[in-house]
Protein backbone atom coordinates (compact mmCIF):
# COMPACT_ATOMS: atom_id res chain seq x y z
CA MET A 1 6.23 139.58 99.01
CA SER A 2 8.73 141.40 101.59
CA GLU A 3 8.93 137.96 103.88
CA GLU A 4 10.09 136.02 100.35
CA ILE A 5 12.81 138.86 99.94
CA ARG A 6 14.21 138.72 103.28
CA GLU A 7 14.05 135.00 103.56
CA GLN A 8 16.28 134.74 99.72
CA HIS A 9 18.63 137.90 101.41
CA ASP A 10 19.06 135.75 104.27
CA LEU A 11 19.83 132.77 102.23
CA THR A 12 22.41 134.45 99.89
CA ASP A 13 24.35 135.86 103.11
CA SER A 14 24.34 132.47 104.53
CA LYS A 15 26.65 131.23 101.29
CA PRO A 16 29.98 130.49 101.79
CA SER A 17 32.81 132.93 100.64
CA PRO A 18 34.13 131.96 97.54
CA PRO A 19 37.51 130.35 97.76
CA LEU A 20 40.64 132.48 97.01
CA PRO A 21 41.51 132.79 93.25
CA PRO A 22 44.74 130.33 92.17
CA GLN A 23 47.20 133.02 92.25
CA LYS A 24 46.42 134.27 95.61
CA GLN A 25 46.61 131.14 96.88
CA GLY A 26 50.02 130.56 95.03
CA LEU A 27 51.29 133.45 96.01
CA ILE A 28 50.18 132.57 99.89
CA ILE A 29 52.01 129.38 99.60
CA SER A 30 55.20 130.62 97.85
CA ARG A 31 55.36 133.53 100.88
CA LYS A 32 55.26 130.37 103.34
CA ARG A 33 57.96 128.45 101.31
CA GLN A 34 60.03 131.64 101.63
CA LEU A 35 59.73 131.65 105.14
CA VAL A 36 60.40 128.17 105.83
CA PHE A 37 63.74 128.30 104.32
CA LEU A 38 64.51 131.57 105.60
CA ALA A 39 63.90 130.23 109.56
CA LEU A 40 66.11 127.14 107.73
CA MET A 41 69.17 129.60 106.84
CA ILE A 42 68.77 131.24 110.26
CA PHE A 43 69.02 128.05 112.29
CA LEU A 44 71.97 126.93 110.27
CA ALA A 45 73.53 130.24 110.48
CA ALA A 46 73.18 130.48 114.46
CA LYS A 47 74.52 126.99 114.79
CA GLY A 48 77.72 128.28 113.52
CA LEU A 49 77.84 125.79 111.02
CA VAL A 50 77.83 128.72 108.06
CA GLY A 51 80.67 130.41 106.94
CA ILE A 52 80.86 134.32 107.10
CA GLU A 53 81.71 134.16 103.16
CA ASP A 54 78.35 132.59 102.50
CA ILE A 55 76.26 135.01 105.01
CA ALA A 56 77.91 137.14 103.07
CA PHE A 57 77.86 136.18 99.70
CA VAL A 58 74.09 136.46 100.10
CA ILE A 59 73.19 139.73 101.66
CA LEU A 60 75.82 141.32 98.66
CA CYS A 61 74.21 138.98 95.88
CA THR A 62 70.71 139.95 96.59
CA ILE A 63 72.06 143.54 96.49
CA TYR A 64 73.66 143.52 93.74
CA LEU A 65 71.06 141.71 91.31
CA PHE A 66 68.02 143.81 92.70
CA VAL A 67 69.74 147.22 92.85
CA VAL A 68 72.29 147.66 90.29
CA MET A 69 71.78 144.96 87.99
CA ALA A 70 68.00 145.69 87.96
CA ARG A 71 68.37 149.47 87.88
CA PHE A 72 71.48 149.90 85.27
CA ALA A 73 71.78 146.01 83.51
CA PHE A 74 68.29 145.04 82.97
CA PRO A 75 65.52 147.11 84.14
CA ARG A 76 61.68 146.44 84.29
CA LYS A 77 60.36 147.57 80.83
CA GLN A 78 56.66 148.42 81.12
CA THR A 79 56.13 146.32 77.76
CA GLU A 80 58.14 143.28 78.59
CA GLN A 81 55.71 139.91 79.34
CA LYS A 82 56.27 137.55 81.47
CA LYS A 83 56.85 134.25 79.73
CA ARG A 84 57.81 130.90 80.97
CA LEU A 85 61.22 129.74 80.69
CA ALA A 86 61.35 126.20 81.78
CA PRO A 87 60.31 123.58 79.25
CA LYS A 88 56.40 122.64 79.82
CA SER A 89 56.86 119.00 79.78
CA LYS A 90 56.42 116.28 81.92
CA LEU A 91 60.08 114.97 81.49
CA PHE A 92 61.01 118.32 82.85
CA ARG A 93 58.41 118.48 85.49
CA ALA A 94 60.21 114.60 86.81
CA TYR A 95 63.49 116.74 87.02
CA PHE A 96 62.92 119.76 88.65
CA LEU A 97 60.73 117.14 91.55
CA GLY A 98 63.90 114.92 91.50
CA THR A 99 66.12 117.93 92.13
CA ALA A 100 63.67 119.29 95.02
CA ILE A 101 64.23 115.46 96.30
CA ILE A 102 68.11 114.90 95.65
CA GLY A 103 68.91 118.67 96.49
CA LEU A 104 66.93 119.84 99.45
CA LEU A 105 64.88 116.79 101.14
CA PHE A 106 67.83 114.00 101.33
CA PRO A 107 70.56 117.07 102.73
CA ILE A 108 67.98 118.27 105.17
CA CYS A 109 67.03 114.61 106.27
CA TYR A 110 71.01 114.23 106.51
CA VAL A 111 71.40 117.01 108.60
CA GLY A 112 68.64 116.20 110.82
CA ASP A 113 69.78 112.67 111.14
CA GLY A 114 73.77 114.03 111.81
CA ILE A 115 72.22 116.22 114.49
CA TYR A 116 70.68 113.63 116.26
CA ARG A 117 73.76 110.96 116.03
CA GLY A 118 76.25 114.21 117.07
CA ASP A 119 78.04 113.65 113.44
CA ILE A 120 79.00 117.51 113.43
CA HIS A 121 81.38 117.05 110.74
CA GLY A 122 79.52 115.47 108.41
CA VAL A 123 76.72 118.64 109.48
CA GLY A 124 78.94 121.13 109.20
CA ALA A 125 79.94 119.28 105.62
CA VAL A 126 76.86 119.78 104.13
CA ALA A 127 75.48 123.12 105.89
CA PRO A 128 76.96 125.62 103.58
CA HIS A 129 75.55 123.72 100.28
CA LEU A 130 71.66 123.53 102.33
CA PHE A 131 72.26 127.51 103.21
CA LEU A 132 72.65 128.60 100.05
CA LEU A 133 70.01 126.46 98.49
CA SER A 134 67.89 128.06 100.99
CA GLY A 135 68.67 131.00 99.77
CA GLN A 136 68.08 130.38 95.91
CA VAL A 137 64.55 129.04 97.11
CA PHE A 138 64.21 132.12 99.29
CA THR A 139 65.47 135.12 96.24
CA GLU A 140 64.04 133.33 93.61
CA PRO A 141 60.45 134.39 93.69
CA ILE A 142 61.39 137.87 94.46
CA GLY A 143 63.38 137.71 90.79
CA PHE A 144 60.13 136.43 89.16
CA SER A 145 57.72 138.36 90.54
CA ASP A 146 56.72 141.77 88.17
CA LYS A 147 58.86 144.21 89.49
CA PHE A 148 61.97 142.93 87.92
CA SER A 149 63.09 141.41 84.37
CA THR A 150 63.40 138.54 83.47
CA PRO A 151 67.24 138.67 82.96
CA VAL A 152 67.61 139.18 86.53
CA ALA A 153 65.29 136.67 88.00
CA SER A 154 67.51 134.23 85.53
CA LEU A 155 70.44 135.62 86.95
CA VAL A 156 69.32 134.38 90.47
CA PRO A 157 69.84 130.47 90.00
CA VAL A 158 72.58 130.82 88.17
CA PHE A 159 74.71 133.08 90.66
CA TYR A 160 73.53 130.71 93.43
CA ASN A 161 74.23 127.30 91.38
CA THR A 162 77.53 128.49 90.17
CA ARG A 163 78.69 129.89 93.98
CA ARG A 164 77.36 125.99 95.34
CA LEU A 165 79.43 123.89 93.12
CA TYR A 166 82.79 125.07 95.96
CA PRO A 167 80.67 123.70 98.73
CA LEU A 168 79.56 120.62 96.75
CA LEU A 169 82.93 119.60 95.99
CA ASP A 170 84.37 120.25 99.55
CA TRP A 171 81.41 118.32 100.85
CA VAL A 172 82.37 115.64 98.70
CA LYS A 173 85.97 115.63 99.52
CA ALA A 174 84.92 115.52 103.48
CA GLU A 175 82.82 112.27 102.63
CA PHE A 176 85.25 110.90 101.06
CA SER A 177 87.99 111.14 103.49
CA ASP A 178 85.80 109.94 106.68
CA THR A 179 85.89 106.14 107.56
CA GLN A 180 83.91 106.61 110.20
CA ARG A 181 81.03 108.76 111.40
CA PRO A 182 78.55 108.13 113.80
CA GLY A 183 75.83 105.31 112.65
CA GLY A 184 78.31 103.69 111.08
CA SER A 185 78.88 102.86 107.45
CA VAL A 186 75.01 103.21 106.82
CA ARG A 187 75.89 107.03 107.55
CA VAL A 188 79.21 106.94 105.33
CA TYR A 189 78.28 105.70 102.45
CA GLY A 190 74.45 107.23 102.24
CA GLY A 191 76.76 110.79 103.22
CA ARG A 192 78.81 109.55 99.77
CA ALA A 193 76.21 108.74 97.95
CA ILE A 194 74.51 111.98 98.62
CA ALA A 195 76.89 114.20 98.54
CA SER A 196 78.04 112.61 94.85
CA VAL A 197 74.40 112.56 93.18
CA ASN A 198 73.97 116.24 94.25
CA THR A 199 77.43 117.03 92.69
CA VAL A 200 76.91 116.08 89.86
CA MET A 201 73.23 117.06 89.34
CA TRP A 202 73.75 120.57 90.24
CA PHE A 203 76.79 120.94 87.62
CA TYR A 204 74.50 119.44 85.16
CA ASN A 205 71.61 121.94 85.75
CA LEU A 206 74.39 124.68 85.79
CA PHE A 207 76.17 123.40 82.61
CA GLY A 208 73.35 121.77 80.75
CA PHE A 209 70.25 123.72 81.60
CA LEU A 210 71.03 126.83 83.26
CA LEU A 211 73.32 128.50 81.25
CA PRO A 212 72.84 127.13 77.54
CA VAL A 213 68.94 126.82 78.25
CA LEU A 214 67.22 129.31 80.62
CA LEU A 215 69.83 132.35 80.65
CA PRO A 216 69.64 132.88 76.44
CA ARG A 217 65.47 132.36 76.66
CA SER A 218 65.58 135.37 79.12
CA PHE A 219 67.86 137.49 76.91
CA GLU A 220 65.66 136.53 74.09
CA ILE A 221 62.50 137.45 75.51
CA TYR A 222 64.25 140.52 77.43
CA PHE A 223 65.25 142.47 73.80
CA SER A 224 62.42 140.87 71.56
CA ASP A 225 60.42 144.45 72.20
CA ASP A 226 63.70 146.37 70.79
CA ASN A 227 63.57 144.11 67.74
CA LYS A 228 60.19 144.41 66.78
CA ASP A 229 60.36 147.87 67.20
CA ASN A 230 63.93 148.03 64.62
């Protein structure tokens, strides 16, 4: 009898350990993504492609949101429930994927091609936008964690998107002011197309989604408990 019990115990020990729960896996993936974009920010800053004003914005914005706003304006409530802010639809998921491809993937490829071809002017034009967007992607998981309130989390993309409008306009001006680039007409017209589409998309993202949808929804969630008490 003891032999059978020992065999069953050995079989139990030999079973593979269960996989990580989805929440833990998502947390690990989020941390890896943050490290990737932090490395991209450091690379762009180390290459001298980003001005001191953009670096200062990331630092001061982080302090202002997570210290000042989180403590004095919108402190985290114990009863506050984290709810979904964005619409849950296939159309919005497609829109979110499109912003990632157009706003991140295309500019990263454009920078990589520019470094390879020696187009320092073109790389310098897109670098501020890419640096600030990487800072936004790095900061958003912090804001949407359980340590901060919903309004603070929603203000992260609002602040960053507003700041990036100026580098985007400068990027468009730089692309259309040059008629010759290393790489020929493909890079000239490709750069103009990427800059123009990004500018239109992020203007719409701020004035068509973040300000009229995301920000009011976050305030509604935050103050809903106060309305119930009254």
